[in-house]
Amino acid sequence: MDQAIARPTVVVPKPLKWYDRLLATIIYTLIEVVGRTLRFRWDPQAPLERIPADRRGVFCVWHNRLAVSMLVYRDYICPGRRDHRLAAIVSASKDGGIVARILEHFRVEPVRGSSSRRGPQALLELTGFAERGFDLAITPDGPRGPRYKIQPGVISLAQLTGLPIVAISWDFRWKISMRSWDQFQIPLPFSRGTLRATEPLEVPRCSTDEEREALRE
């Protein structure tokens, strides 16, 4: 008898229920409403001009800054640059499904995956979006942390796509910090924030493991 041949399977995240889609719409609406009251300024020591206006990139933001990340990209990074499209990696969990639906409201392409679930598939899909001219977005310490510790995934993504890594962060004067592993931050209405951008970081395609680890550090 011929032995069964093991074949790789494609993991497909489960579709959302109607009430999860409704919740995502409500959260999106709240983000837009509160976002209209927020005001940002760029830190003169880490200005927007660090980001190449004519080149795509892998945009990184800490997991606890996700609440207004799409507003920052759309309203403070994209204006003045050529038309940009964005694909973002999102956890393959149920909560990630709600986040993915919120991203779709912002006209962002969600790619489901993490280090523990669907990781290789997600990297392959993101590479495809990069080839089609999309910016990419990733939380380098997500989805489980530790907080502010960069995981290898972002380095692999930059190496595979050839896109530079650009980290964006911000601080709010008035905010709520949740009791979660990442101390998720929710800005209060009418808060003032300071935006910061890093210099683009290139990851050569021929990088060794040692060089990748040095870049991650």
N, C-alpha and C. Protein backbone atom coordinates (compact mmCIF):
# COMPACT_ATOMS: atom_id res chain seq x y z
N MET A 1 0.85 -1.19 0.00
CA MET A 1 0.00 0.00 0.00
C MET A 1 0.89 1.24 0.00
N ASP A 2 0.54 2.19 -0.87
CA ASP A 2 1.31 3.43 -0.90
C ASP A 2 1.06 4.23 0.36
N GLN A 3 2.12 4.76 0.88
CA GLN A 3 1.98 5.60 2.06
C GLN A 3 1.44 6.96 1.66
N ALA A 4 0.58 7.53 2.53
CA ALA A 4 0.03 8.86 2.25
C ALA A 4 1.14 9.89 2.30
N ILE A 5 1.10 10.78 1.36
CA ILE A 5 2.11 11.82 1.28
C ILE A 5 1.60 13.06 2.01
N ALA A 6 2.37 13.52 2.99
CA ALA A 6 1.98 14.72 3.74
C ALA A 6 2.13 15.94 2.85
N ARG A 7 1.08 16.72 2.81
CA ARG A 7 1.09 17.92 1.98
C ARG A 7 0.92 19.15 2.86
N PRO A 8 1.62 20.22 2.53
CA PRO A 8 1.46 21.44 3.32
C PRO A 8 0.04 21.98 3.16
N THR A 9 -0.51 22.46 4.24
CA THR A 9 -1.86 23.00 4.19
C THR A 9 -1.81 24.52 4.32
N VAL A 10 -2.78 25.17 3.71
CA VAL A 10 -2.89 26.62 3.79
C VAL A 10 -3.87 26.95 4.90
N VAL A 11 -3.41 27.73 5.87
CA VAL A 11 -4.26 28.12 7.00
C VAL A 11 -5.06 29.35 6.60
N VAL A 12 -6.39 29.22 6.68
CA VAL A 12 -7.28 30.33 6.32
C VAL A 12 -7.99 30.82 7.58
N PRO A 13 -7.81 32.07 7.98
CA PRO A 13 -8.50 32.59 9.16
C PRO A 13 -10.02 32.51 8.99
N LYS A 14 -10.72 32.25 10.10
CA LYS A 14 -12.17 32.14 10.04
C LYS A 14 -12.82 33.50 9.77
N PRO A 15 -13.90 33.52 8.98
CA PRO A 15 -14.59 34.79 8.74
C PRO A 15 -15.27 35.31 10.00
N LEU A 16 -15.47 36.62 10.07
CA LEU A 16 -16.10 37.22 11.24
C LEU A 16 -17.60 37.02 11.23
N LYS A 17 -18.17 36.93 12.41
CA LYS A 17 -19.62 36.94 12.58
C LYS A 17 -20.13 38.37 12.36
N TRP A 18 -21.44 38.50 12.16
CA TRP A 18 -22.01 39.82 11.87
C TRP A 18 -21.78 40.79 13.02
N TYR A 19 -21.83 40.29 14.27
CA TYR A 19 -21.66 41.18 15.40
C TYR A 19 -20.20 41.64 15.55
N ASP A 20 -19.25 40.81 15.11
CA ASP A 20 -17.85 41.25 15.11
C ASP A 20 -17.61 42.32 14.05
N ARG A 21 -18.26 42.16 12.90
CA ARG A 21 -18.14 43.20 11.85
C ARG A 21 -18.76 44.51 12.33
N LEU A 22 -19.88 44.41 13.05
CA LEU A 22 -20.51 45.61 13.60
C LEU A 22 -19.60 46.28 14.61
N LEU A 23 -18.98 45.47 15.48
CA LEU A 23 -18.05 46.03 16.47
C LEU A 23 -16.90 46.74 15.78
N ALA A 24 -16.36 46.15 14.72
CA ALA A 24 -15.26 46.77 13.98
C ALA A 24 -15.69 48.11 13.40
N THR A 25 -16.90 48.18 12.89
CA THR A 25 -17.41 49.44 12.33
C THR A 25 -17.55 50.51 13.40
N ILE A 26 -18.02 50.11 14.58
CA ILE A 26 -18.16 51.05 15.69
C ILE A 26 -16.80 51.59 16.13
N ILE A 27 -15.83 50.68 16.26
CA ILE A 27 -14.47 51.11 16.66
C ILE A 27 -13.87 52.05 15.62
N TYR A 28 -14.03 51.71 14.33
CA TYR A 28 -13.54 52.58 13.27
C TYR A 28 -14.15 53.98 13.37
N THR A 29 -15.46 54.03 13.62
CA THR A 29 -16.15 55.32 13.71
C THR A 29 -15.62 56.13 14.90
N LEU A 30 -15.40 55.46 16.03
CA LEU A 30 -14.85 56.15 17.20
C LEU A 30 -13.45 56.70 16.92
N ILE A 31 -12.63 55.90 16.22
CA ILE A 31 -11.28 56.36 15.88
C ILE A 31 -11.35 57.62 15.02
N GLU A 32 -12.24 57.62 14.03
CA GLU A 32 -12.38 58.79 13.16
C GLU A 32 -12.87 60.01 13.93
N VAL A 33 -13.85 59.80 14.82
CA VAL A 33 -14.41 60.92 15.57
C VAL A 33 -13.37 61.51 16.52
N VAL A 34 -12.72 60.65 17.31
CA VAL A 34 -11.70 61.15 18.24
C VAL A 34 -10.52 61.72 17.46
N GLY A 35 -10.18 61.09 16.34
CA GLY A 35 -9.05 61.55 15.53
C GLY A 35 -9.20 62.98 15.05
N ARG A 36 -10.43 63.41 14.82
CA ARG A 36 -10.66 64.79 14.37
C ARG A 36 -10.31 65.81 15.44
N THR A 37 -10.22 65.36 16.69
CA THR A 37 -9.90 66.29 17.78
C THR A 37 -8.42 66.28 18.14
N LEU A 38 -7.67 65.31 17.60
CA LEU A 38 -6.26 65.18 17.96
C LEU A 38 -5.40 66.11 17.13
N ARG A 39 -4.30 66.55 17.70
CA ARG A 39 -3.36 67.40 16.99
C ARG A 39 -1.94 66.86 17.20
N PHE A 40 -1.20 66.75 16.09
CA PHE A 40 0.17 66.25 16.15
C PHE A 40 1.14 67.32 15.66
N ARG A 41 2.38 67.18 16.10
CA ARG A 41 3.48 67.94 15.52
C ARG A 41 4.65 66.98 15.36
N TRP A 42 5.49 67.24 14.36
CA TRP A 42 6.68 66.41 14.15
C TRP A 42 7.81 66.91 15.04
N ASP A 43 8.48 66.00 15.68
CA ASP A 43 9.67 66.32 16.47
C ASP A 43 10.74 66.85 15.50
N PRO A 44 11.26 68.06 15.71
CA PRO A 44 12.27 68.59 14.79
C PRO A 44 13.55 67.75 14.74
N GLN A 45 13.79 66.93 15.78
CA GLN A 45 14.96 66.06 15.78
C GLN A 45 14.70 64.73 15.06
N ALA A 46 13.44 64.46 14.73
CA ALA A 46 13.07 63.22 14.03
C ALA A 46 11.93 63.51 13.06
N PRO A 47 12.19 64.35 12.05
CA PRO A 47 11.11 64.90 11.22
C PRO A 47 10.63 63.95 10.13
N LEU A 48 9.50 64.35 9.52
CA LEU A 48 8.91 63.61 8.41
C LEU A 48 9.88 63.50 7.24
N GLU A 49 10.74 64.50 7.06
CA GLU A 49 11.66 64.51 5.93
C GLU A 49 12.63 63.33 5.93
N ARG A 50 12.73 62.62 7.05
CA ARG A 50 13.55 61.42 7.07
C ARG A 50 12.98 60.32 6.16
N ILE A 51 11.67 60.37 5.92
CA ILE A 51 11.01 59.33 5.14
C ILE A 51 11.11 59.69 3.66
N PRO A 52 11.70 58.85 2.82
CA PRO A 52 11.80 59.17 1.39
C PRO A 52 10.42 59.39 0.77
N ALA A 53 10.24 60.51 0.11
CA ALA A 53 8.93 60.83 -0.45
C ALA A 53 8.59 60.01 -1.68
N ASP A 54 9.60 59.45 -2.33
CA ASP A 54 9.37 58.76 -3.60
C ASP A 54 9.68 57.27 -3.51
N ARG A 55 9.69 56.73 -2.30
CA ARG A 55 10.03 55.31 -2.15
C ARG A 55 9.11 54.63 -1.15
N ARG A 56 8.78 53.40 -1.43
CA ARG A 56 7.97 52.61 -0.51
C ARG A 56 8.82 52.19 0.69
N GLY A 57 8.16 51.72 1.76
CA GLY A 57 8.89 51.30 2.94
C GLY A 57 8.12 50.30 3.77
N VAL A 58 8.83 49.69 4.72
CA VAL A 58 8.21 48.85 5.74
C VAL A 58 8.05 49.72 6.98
N PHE A 59 6.82 50.15 7.24
CA PHE A 59 6.56 51.04 8.37
C PHE A 59 6.31 50.22 9.63
N CYS A 60 7.03 50.58 10.69
CA CYS A 60 6.92 49.87 11.98
C CYS A 60 6.31 50.81 13.01
N VAL A 61 5.45 50.25 13.84
CA VAL A 61 4.90 50.99 14.98
C VAL A 61 4.72 50.01 16.13
N TRP A 62 5.04 50.44 17.34
CA TRP A 62 4.87 49.56 18.50
C TRP A 62 3.41 49.14 18.63
N HIS A 63 3.20 47.94 19.14
CA HIS A 63 1.85 47.38 19.24
C HIS A 63 0.93 48.27 20.06
N ASN A 64 1.46 48.93 21.09
CA ASN A 64 0.59 49.74 21.94
C ASN A 64 0.24 51.10 21.33
N ARG A 65 0.77 51.39 20.13
CA ARG A 65 0.43 52.64 19.45
C ARG A 65 -0.59 52.42 18.30
N LEU A 66 -1.15 51.23 18.20
CA LEU A 66 -1.98 50.90 17.05
C LEU A 66 -3.27 51.73 16.94
N ALA A 67 -3.77 52.24 18.06
CA ALA A 67 -5.10 52.86 18.08
C ALA A 67 -5.28 53.91 16.99
N VAL A 68 -4.26 54.76 16.79
CA VAL A 68 -4.41 55.83 15.80
C VAL A 68 -3.37 55.71 14.68
N SER A 69 -2.79 54.53 14.52
CA SER A 69 -1.72 54.37 13.54
C SER A 69 -2.18 54.65 12.11
N MET A 70 -3.42 54.26 11.77
CA MET A 70 -3.91 54.49 10.42
C MET A 70 -4.17 55.97 10.17
N LEU A 71 -4.59 56.68 11.21
CA LEU A 71 -4.77 58.13 11.07
C LEU A 71 -3.42 58.81 10.82
N VAL A 72 -2.39 58.37 11.55
CA VAL A 72 -1.06 58.95 11.38
C VAL A 72 -0.56 58.71 9.96
N TYR A 73 -0.70 57.48 9.47
CA TYR A 73 -0.24 57.17 8.12
C TYR A 73 -1.00 57.98 7.08
N ARG A 74 -2.32 57.99 7.18
CA ARG A 74 -3.15 58.65 6.17
C ARG A 74 -3.03 60.17 6.20
N ASP A 75 -3.05 60.75 7.41
CA ASP A 75 -3.17 62.20 7.53
C ASP A 75 -1.84 62.93 7.72
N TYR A 76 -0.78 62.21 8.17
CA TYR A 76 0.47 62.91 8.48
C TYR A 76 1.67 62.39 7.70
N ILE A 77 1.58 61.20 7.13
CA ILE A 77 2.68 60.66 6.34
C ILE A 77 2.41 60.75 4.85
N CYS A 78 1.20 60.38 4.43
CA CYS A 78 0.89 60.33 2.99
C CYS A 78 0.76 61.69 2.31
N PRO A 79 0.15 62.71 2.94
CA PRO A 79 0.01 63.99 2.25
C PRO A 79 1.35 64.54 1.77
N GLY A 80 1.37 65.01 0.54
CA GLY A 80 2.60 65.56 -0.03
C GLY A 80 3.47 64.52 -0.69
N ARG A 81 3.15 63.24 -0.52
CA ARG A 81 3.89 62.18 -1.18
C ARG A 81 3.02 61.63 -2.29
N ARG A 82 3.63 60.82 -3.17
CA ARG A 82 2.82 60.23 -4.22
C ARG A 82 1.82 59.25 -3.61
N ASP A 83 0.75 58.98 -4.36
CA ASP A 83 -0.33 58.14 -3.85
C ASP A 83 0.22 56.82 -3.31
N HIS A 84 -0.14 56.52 -2.07
CA HIS A 84 0.39 55.32 -1.42
C HIS A 84 -0.73 54.35 -1.07
N ARG A 85 -0.41 53.08 -1.22
CA ARG A 85 -1.29 52.01 -0.78
C ARG A 85 -0.56 51.22 0.29
N LEU A 86 -1.33 50.67 1.23
CA LEU A 86 -0.72 50.04 2.40
C LEU A 86 -1.29 48.65 2.62
N ALA A 87 -0.39 47.69 2.91
CA ALA A 87 -0.77 46.35 3.35
C ALA A 87 -0.16 46.15 4.73
N ALA A 88 -0.95 45.64 5.68
CA ALA A 88 -0.49 45.52 7.07
C ALA A 88 -0.70 44.11 7.58
N ILE A 89 0.28 43.60 8.31
CA ILE A 89 0.15 42.27 8.89
C ILE A 89 -0.65 42.36 10.18
N VAL A 90 -1.58 41.42 10.34
CA VAL A 90 -2.49 41.38 11.48
C VAL A 90 -2.54 39.95 12.00
N SER A 91 -2.67 39.81 13.31
CA SER A 91 -2.75 38.49 13.90
C SER A 91 -3.85 37.65 13.27
N ALA A 92 -3.62 36.33 13.20
CA ALA A 92 -4.61 35.41 12.63
C ALA A 92 -5.67 35.01 13.66
N SER A 93 -5.65 35.59 14.85
CA SER A 93 -6.62 35.28 15.89
C SER A 93 -7.96 35.96 15.61
N LYS A 94 -8.97 35.66 16.46
CA LYS A 94 -10.28 36.29 16.31
C LYS A 94 -10.17 37.80 16.49
N ASP A 95 -9.42 38.23 17.54
CA ASP A 95 -9.25 39.68 17.75
C ASP A 95 -8.57 40.31 16.54
N GLY A 96 -7.62 39.57 15.95
CA GLY A 96 -6.97 40.07 14.75
C GLY A 96 -7.95 40.24 13.61
N GLY A 97 -8.99 39.39 13.57
CA GLY A 97 -10.01 39.53 12.54
C GLY A 97 -10.76 40.84 12.66
N ILE A 98 -11.02 41.28 13.89
CA ILE A 98 -11.69 42.56 14.10
C ILE A 98 -10.78 43.70 13.66
N VAL A 99 -9.49 43.60 14.02
CA VAL A 99 -8.52 44.62 13.60
C VAL A 99 -8.44 44.67 12.07
N ALA A 100 -8.45 43.49 11.44
CA ALA A 100 -8.38 43.44 9.98
C ALA A 100 -9.56 44.15 9.34
N ARG A 101 -10.74 43.97 9.92
CA ARG A 101 -11.93 44.65 9.39
C ARG A 101 -11.83 46.16 9.56
N ILE A 102 -11.27 46.61 10.69
CA ILE A 102 -11.06 48.04 10.89
C ILE A 102 -10.12 48.59 9.82
N LEU A 103 -9.04 47.85 9.53
CA LEU A 103 -8.10 48.28 8.50
C LEU A 103 -8.79 48.40 7.15
N GLU A 104 -9.68 47.49 6.85
CA GLU A 104 -10.40 47.55 5.57
C GLU A 104 -11.23 48.83 5.47
N HIS A 105 -11.78 49.29 6.59
CA HIS A 105 -12.50 50.56 6.59
C HIS A 105 -11.57 51.71 6.21
N PHE A 106 -10.28 51.58 6.57
CA PHE A 106 -9.29 52.60 6.21
C PHE A 106 -8.68 52.34 4.82
N ARG A 107 -9.23 51.38 4.10
CA ARG A 107 -8.76 51.01 2.76
C ARG A 107 -7.33 50.47 2.80
N VAL A 108 -7.03 49.75 3.85
CA VAL A 108 -5.75 49.07 4.00
C VAL A 108 -5.97 47.58 3.78
N GLU A 109 -5.03 46.94 3.11
CA GLU A 109 -5.11 45.50 2.85
C GLU A 109 -4.55 44.73 4.04
N PRO A 110 -5.39 44.01 4.81
CA PRO A 110 -4.86 43.23 5.92
C PRO A 110 -4.30 41.89 5.45
N VAL A 111 -3.18 41.51 6.04
CA VAL A 111 -2.56 40.21 5.76
C VAL A 111 -2.49 39.48 7.10
N ARG A 112 -3.14 38.34 7.19
CA ARG A 112 -3.29 37.64 8.46
C ARG A 112 -2.12 36.71 8.74
N GLY A 113 -1.47 36.89 9.90
CA GLY A 113 -0.37 36.01 10.27
C GLY A 113 0.42 36.56 11.44
N SER A 114 1.21 35.68 12.07
CA SER A 114 2.08 36.07 13.18
C SER A 114 3.19 35.04 13.28
N SER A 115 4.05 35.21 14.29
CA SER A 115 5.16 34.28 14.44
C SER A 115 4.68 32.87 14.77
N SER A 116 3.50 32.75 15.38
CA SER A 116 3.00 31.44 15.80
C SER A 116 1.97 30.84 14.85
N ARG A 117 1.31 31.67 14.06
CA ARG A 117 0.27 31.17 13.16
C ARG A 117 0.38 31.86 11.80
N ARG A 118 0.53 31.05 10.77
CA ARG A 118 0.45 31.54 9.40
C ARG A 118 1.59 32.50 9.05
N GLY A 119 2.71 32.43 9.77
CA GLY A 119 3.81 33.35 9.55
C GLY A 119 4.42 33.30 8.17
N PRO A 120 4.85 32.12 7.67
CA PRO A 120 5.43 32.04 6.33
C PRO A 120 4.47 32.48 5.22
N GLN A 121 3.19 32.11 5.37
CA GLN A 121 2.21 32.53 4.36
C GLN A 121 2.08 34.04 4.34
N ALA A 122 2.05 34.65 5.53
CA ALA A 122 1.90 36.10 5.62
C ALA A 122 3.08 36.80 4.98
N LEU A 123 4.31 36.32 5.23
CA LEU A 123 5.49 36.93 4.62
C LEU A 123 5.42 36.85 3.10
N LEU A 124 4.96 35.72 2.59
CA LEU A 124 4.84 35.56 1.14
C LEU A 124 3.81 36.53 0.57
N GLU A 125 2.68 36.68 1.25
CA GLU A 125 1.65 37.60 0.77
C GLU A 125 2.13 39.04 0.82
N LEU A 126 2.83 39.41 1.90
CA LEU A 126 3.35 40.77 1.99
C LEU A 126 4.36 41.06 0.89
N THR A 127 5.19 40.07 0.57
CA THR A 127 6.15 40.24 -0.52
C THR A 127 5.43 40.52 -1.83
N GLY A 128 4.31 39.83 -2.04
CA GLY A 128 3.52 40.08 -3.24
C GLY A 128 2.97 41.49 -3.28
N PHE A 129 2.51 42.00 -2.15
CA PHE A 129 2.00 43.37 -2.11
C PHE A 129 3.14 44.37 -2.38
N ALA A 130 4.33 44.09 -1.85
CA ALA A 130 5.48 44.98 -2.10
C ALA A 130 5.79 45.04 -3.58
N GLU A 131 5.72 43.91 -4.27
CA GLU A 131 5.99 43.87 -5.71
C GLU A 131 4.95 44.66 -6.49
N ARG A 132 3.76 44.83 -5.92
CA ARG A 132 2.69 45.60 -6.58
C ARG A 132 2.71 47.07 -6.19
N GLY A 133 3.73 47.51 -5.44
CA GLY A 133 3.88 48.93 -5.14
C GLY A 133 3.25 49.39 -3.86
N PHE A 134 2.98 48.48 -2.93
CA PHE A 134 2.38 48.85 -1.65
C PHE A 134 3.46 49.18 -0.62
N ASP A 135 3.16 50.13 0.28
CA ASP A 135 3.88 50.22 1.54
C ASP A 135 3.44 49.04 2.39
N LEU A 136 4.30 48.63 3.34
CA LEU A 136 3.97 47.56 4.25
C LEU A 136 4.01 48.08 5.69
N ALA A 137 3.20 47.47 6.56
CA ALA A 137 3.17 47.89 7.97
C ALA A 137 3.21 46.67 8.86
N ILE A 138 3.93 46.78 9.98
CA ILE A 138 4.09 45.67 10.89
C ILE A 138 4.33 46.21 12.30
N THR A 139 3.86 45.48 13.31
CA THR A 139 4.19 45.80 14.71
C THR A 139 5.33 44.88 15.11
N PRO A 140 6.54 45.40 15.24
CA PRO A 140 7.71 44.53 15.43
C PRO A 140 7.75 43.81 16.77
N ASP A 141 6.93 44.26 17.75
CA ASP A 141 6.90 43.56 19.04
C ASP A 141 5.60 42.78 19.25
N GLY A 142 4.76 42.70 18.21
CA GLY A 142 3.48 42.02 18.35
C GLY A 142 3.52 40.63 17.77
N PRO A 143 2.41 39.85 17.98
CA PRO A 143 1.22 40.24 18.74
C PRO A 143 1.26 39.90 20.22
N ARG A 144 2.35 39.28 20.69
CA ARG A 144 2.40 38.83 22.09
C ARG A 144 3.54 39.41 22.88
N GLY A 145 4.40 40.18 22.26
CA GLY A 145 5.49 40.79 22.99
C GLY A 145 6.74 39.93 23.05
N PRO A 146 7.65 40.26 23.96
CA PRO A 146 7.57 41.28 25.00
C PRO A 146 7.48 42.71 24.42
N ARG A 147 6.90 43.58 25.22
CA ARG A 147 6.72 44.97 24.80
C ARG A 147 8.06 45.62 24.48
N TYR A 148 8.10 46.31 23.34
CA TYR A 148 9.27 47.06 22.88
C TYR A 148 10.47 46.17 22.55
N LYS A 149 10.25 44.89 22.34
CA LYS A 149 11.33 44.00 21.91
C LYS A 149 11.07 43.59 20.46
N ILE A 150 11.98 43.95 19.57
CA ILE A 150 11.79 43.69 18.15
C ILE A 150 12.01 42.21 17.85
N GLN A 151 11.03 41.62 17.17
CA GLN A 151 11.11 40.23 16.75
C GLN A 151 11.77 40.15 15.36
N PRO A 152 12.26 38.97 14.97
CA PRO A 152 12.98 38.85 13.69
C PRO A 152 12.14 39.08 12.44
N GLY A 153 10.80 39.02 12.57
CA GLY A 153 9.94 39.09 11.39
C GLY A 153 10.13 40.33 10.55
N VAL A 154 10.30 41.48 11.18
CA VAL A 154 10.44 42.72 10.42
C VAL A 154 11.74 42.72 9.63
N ILE A 155 12.81 42.12 10.19
CA ILE A 155 14.08 42.04 9.48
C ILE A 155 13.93 41.13 8.26
N SER A 156 13.26 40.00 8.44
CA SER A 156 13.04 39.08 7.32
C SER A 156 12.23 39.75 6.22
N LEU A 157 11.20 40.50 6.62
CA LEU A 157 10.35 41.17 5.64
C LEU A 157 11.14 42.19 4.81
N ALA A 158 11.97 42.99 5.49
CA ALA A 158 12.77 43.98 4.77
C ALA A 158 13.79 43.32 3.86
N GLN A 159 14.35 42.20 4.31
CA GLN A 159 15.34 41.49 3.50
C GLN A 159 14.69 40.89 2.25
N LEU A 160 13.51 40.30 2.40
CA LEU A 160 12.83 39.66 1.28
C LEU A 160 12.35 40.67 0.24
N THR A 161 11.85 41.82 0.72
CA THR A 161 11.25 42.80 -0.19
C THR A 161 12.24 43.83 -0.72
N GLY A 162 13.36 44.05 0.00
CA GLY A 162 14.29 45.09 -0.39
C GLY A 162 13.83 46.48 0.01
N LEU A 163 12.74 46.58 0.79
CA LEU A 163 12.25 47.89 1.23
C LEU A 163 12.93 48.30 2.53
N PRO A 164 13.19 49.59 2.71
CA PRO A 164 13.80 50.05 3.96
C PRO A 164 12.79 50.04 5.11
N ILE A 165 13.28 49.80 6.31
CA ILE A 165 12.45 49.87 7.51
C ILE A 165 12.40 51.31 8.00
N VAL A 166 11.20 51.82 8.25
CA VAL A 166 11.03 53.15 8.82
C VAL A 166 10.14 53.00 10.06
N ALA A 167 10.69 53.31 11.22
CA ALA A 167 9.92 53.23 12.46
C ALA A 167 9.28 54.58 12.76
N ILE A 168 8.00 54.52 13.13
CA ILE A 168 7.24 55.72 13.49
C ILE A 168 6.71 55.54 14.91
N SER A 169 6.79 56.59 15.70
CA SER A 169 6.22 56.52 17.05
C SER A 169 5.69 57.89 17.43
N TRP A 170 4.94 57.91 18.52
CA TRP A 170 4.38 59.17 19.00
C TRP A 170 4.06 59.05 20.48
N ASP A 171 3.97 60.20 21.12
CA ASP A 171 3.60 60.28 22.53
C ASP A 171 2.46 61.28 22.68
N PHE A 172 1.51 60.94 23.57
CA PHE A 172 0.39 61.82 23.87
C PHE A 172 0.50 62.37 25.28
N ARG A 173 0.07 63.59 25.43
CA ARG A 173 0.05 64.19 26.76
C ARG A 173 -1.07 63.57 27.61
N TRP A 174 -2.23 63.37 26.98
CA TRP A 174 -3.38 62.80 27.69
C TRP A 174 -3.74 61.48 27.03
N LYS A 175 -3.70 60.41 27.80
CA LYS A 175 -4.02 59.10 27.25
C LYS A 175 -4.40 58.13 28.36
N ILE A 176 -5.01 57.03 27.96
CA ILE A 176 -5.30 55.92 28.85
C ILE A 176 -4.37 54.77 28.48
N SER A 177 -3.72 54.16 29.47
CA SER A 177 -2.88 52.99 29.24
C SER A 177 -3.58 51.76 29.82
N MET A 178 -3.86 50.80 28.95
CA MET A 178 -4.59 49.62 29.37
C MET A 178 -3.69 48.67 30.17
N ARG A 179 -4.32 47.77 30.94
CA ARG A 179 -3.58 46.77 31.71
C ARG A 179 -3.39 45.51 30.87
N SER A 180 -2.75 45.66 29.76
CA SER A 180 -2.45 44.55 28.87
C SER A 180 -0.94 44.38 28.79
N TRP A 181 -0.49 43.32 28.10
CA TRP A 181 0.95 43.07 28.05
C TRP A 181 1.72 44.23 27.44
N ASP A 182 1.08 44.96 26.51
CA ASP A 182 1.76 46.06 25.84
C ASP A 182 1.42 47.42 26.41
N GLN A 183 0.53 47.46 27.43
CA GLN A 183 0.05 48.73 27.98
C GLN A 183 -0.52 49.61 26.87
N PHE A 184 -1.48 49.02 26.16
CA PHE A 184 -2.09 49.65 24.98
C PHE A 184 -2.55 51.07 25.30
N GLN A 185 -2.20 52.02 24.42
CA GLN A 185 -2.47 53.42 24.66
C GLN A 185 -3.67 53.92 23.84
N ILE A 186 -4.60 54.58 24.53
CA ILE A 186 -5.76 55.18 23.87
C ILE A 186 -5.72 56.68 24.15
N PRO A 187 -5.52 57.51 23.13
CA PRO A 187 -5.48 58.95 23.38
C PRO A 187 -6.86 59.49 23.74
N LEU A 188 -6.90 60.43 24.65
CA LEU A 188 -8.15 61.08 25.00
C LEU A 188 -8.46 62.18 23.99
N PRO A 189 -9.75 62.49 23.80
CA PRO A 189 -10.10 63.57 22.86
C PRO A 189 -9.35 64.86 23.16
N PHE A 190 -8.96 65.55 22.09
CA PHE A 190 -8.27 66.84 22.15
C PHE A 190 -6.84 66.73 22.67
N SER A 191 -6.29 65.51 22.65
CA SER A 191 -4.90 65.33 23.07
C SER A 191 -3.94 65.92 22.03
N ARG A 192 -2.74 66.22 22.48
CA ARG A 192 -1.68 66.70 21.61
C ARG A 192 -0.57 65.65 21.59
N GLY A 193 -0.09 65.32 20.40
CA GLY A 193 0.92 64.29 20.27
C GLY A 193 2.15 64.77 19.52
N THR A 194 3.29 64.13 19.78
CA THR A 194 4.54 64.41 19.08
C THR A 194 4.94 63.20 18.27
N LEU A 195 5.11 63.38 16.96
CA LEU A 195 5.47 62.30 16.04
C LEU A 195 6.98 62.25 15.84
N ARG A 196 7.48 61.02 15.67
CA ARG A 196 8.92 60.84 15.42
C ARG A 196 9.12 59.77 14.36
N ALA A 197 10.10 59.98 13.48
CA ALA A 197 10.45 59.02 12.44
C ALA A 197 11.93 58.71 12.51
N THR A 198 12.28 57.44 12.27
CA THR A 198 13.69 57.07 12.24
C THR A 198 14.25 57.24 10.83
N GLU A 199 15.55 57.22 10.74
CA GLU A 199 16.19 57.13 9.43
C GLU A 199 15.88 55.75 8.84
N PRO A 200 15.65 55.64 7.53
CA PRO A 200 15.39 54.33 6.92
C PRO A 200 16.55 53.36 7.16
N LEU A 201 16.21 52.12 7.47
CA LEU A 201 17.20 51.07 7.74
C LEU A 201 17.13 50.02 6.64
N GLU A 202 18.21 49.85 5.91
CA GLU A 202 18.27 48.88 4.82
C GLU A 202 18.75 47.53 5.36
N VAL A 203 18.15 46.45 4.86
CA VAL A 203 18.59 45.09 5.19
C VAL A 203 19.01 44.42 3.89
N PRO A 204 20.31 44.32 3.62
CA PRO A 204 20.76 43.71 2.35
C PRO A 204 20.24 42.29 2.19
N ARG A 205 19.90 41.94 0.96
CA ARG A 205 19.35 40.61 0.69
C ARG A 205 20.33 39.50 1.04
N CYS A 206 21.64 39.79 0.99
CA CYS A 206 22.65 38.77 1.26
C CYS A 206 23.10 38.76 2.72
N SER A 207 22.35 39.39 3.62
CA SER A 207 22.76 39.48 5.02
C SER A 207 22.86 38.09 5.65
N THR A 208 23.89 37.90 6.47
CA THR A 208 24.05 36.66 7.22
C THR A 208 23.18 36.71 8.48
N ASP A 209 23.08 35.58 9.17
CA ASP A 209 22.32 35.54 10.42
C ASP A 209 22.89 36.52 11.43
N GLU A 210 24.20 36.61 11.49
CA GLU A 210 24.85 37.53 12.43
C GLU A 210 24.53 38.98 12.09
N GLU A 211 24.55 39.31 10.81
CA GLU A 211 24.24 40.67 10.39
C GLU A 211 22.78 41.01 10.64
N ARG A 212 21.89 40.05 10.41
CA ARG A 212 20.48 40.26 10.68
C ARG A 212 20.24 40.52 12.16
N GLU A 213 20.93 39.77 13.01
CA GLU A 213 20.76 39.95 14.45
C GLU A 213 21.30 41.31 14.88
N ALA A 214 22.42 41.72 14.29
CA ALA A 214 22.96 43.04 14.62
C ALA A 214 21.99 44.15 14.23
N LEU A 215 21.35 44.02 13.08
CA LEU A 215 20.37 45.01 12.63
C LEU A 215 19.15 45.00 13.54
N ARG A 216 18.72 43.81 13.96
CA ARG A 216 17.57 43.72 14.86
C ARG A 216 17.87 44.44 16.18
N GLU A 217 19.07 44.25 16.70
CA GLU A 217 19.45 44.91 17.95
C GLU A 217 19.52 46.43 17.76
